[in-house]
Amino acid sequence: MSRYYIHLQDPNGHCHDGEGFEAEGLDQATAVARETAGQLLREAVSKGEDAVSLLMCLDDSSGTRIANFAVHGSFATYAQTGVRLG
């Protein structure tokens, strides 16, 4: 098990550090990050947000950036786009 961290940046450029979580490898960590993004979008849409756009970054325990997720959503749909690993 390794420790991973999710960081969020809202459209105003404000960063929000999330709590770390344990995962067995990159695939599981990425799945957790995607589910977290989906939860954030569902919460925002349920509160009546017209549109949601944020950047979510996944780092490992050493602070190395593993993935960036450009997350977009609206009343009608929510989707995760721009997944890039590297």
Foldseek 3Di string as FASTA:
>chain_A
DFKKWKWKAFPVRDIDTDDIDDDDDDVRQVVVVVVVLVVVQVVCLVVPDAKGWMKMWMATPVRHTFWIWTWIDGNVGTDIDDIDGD
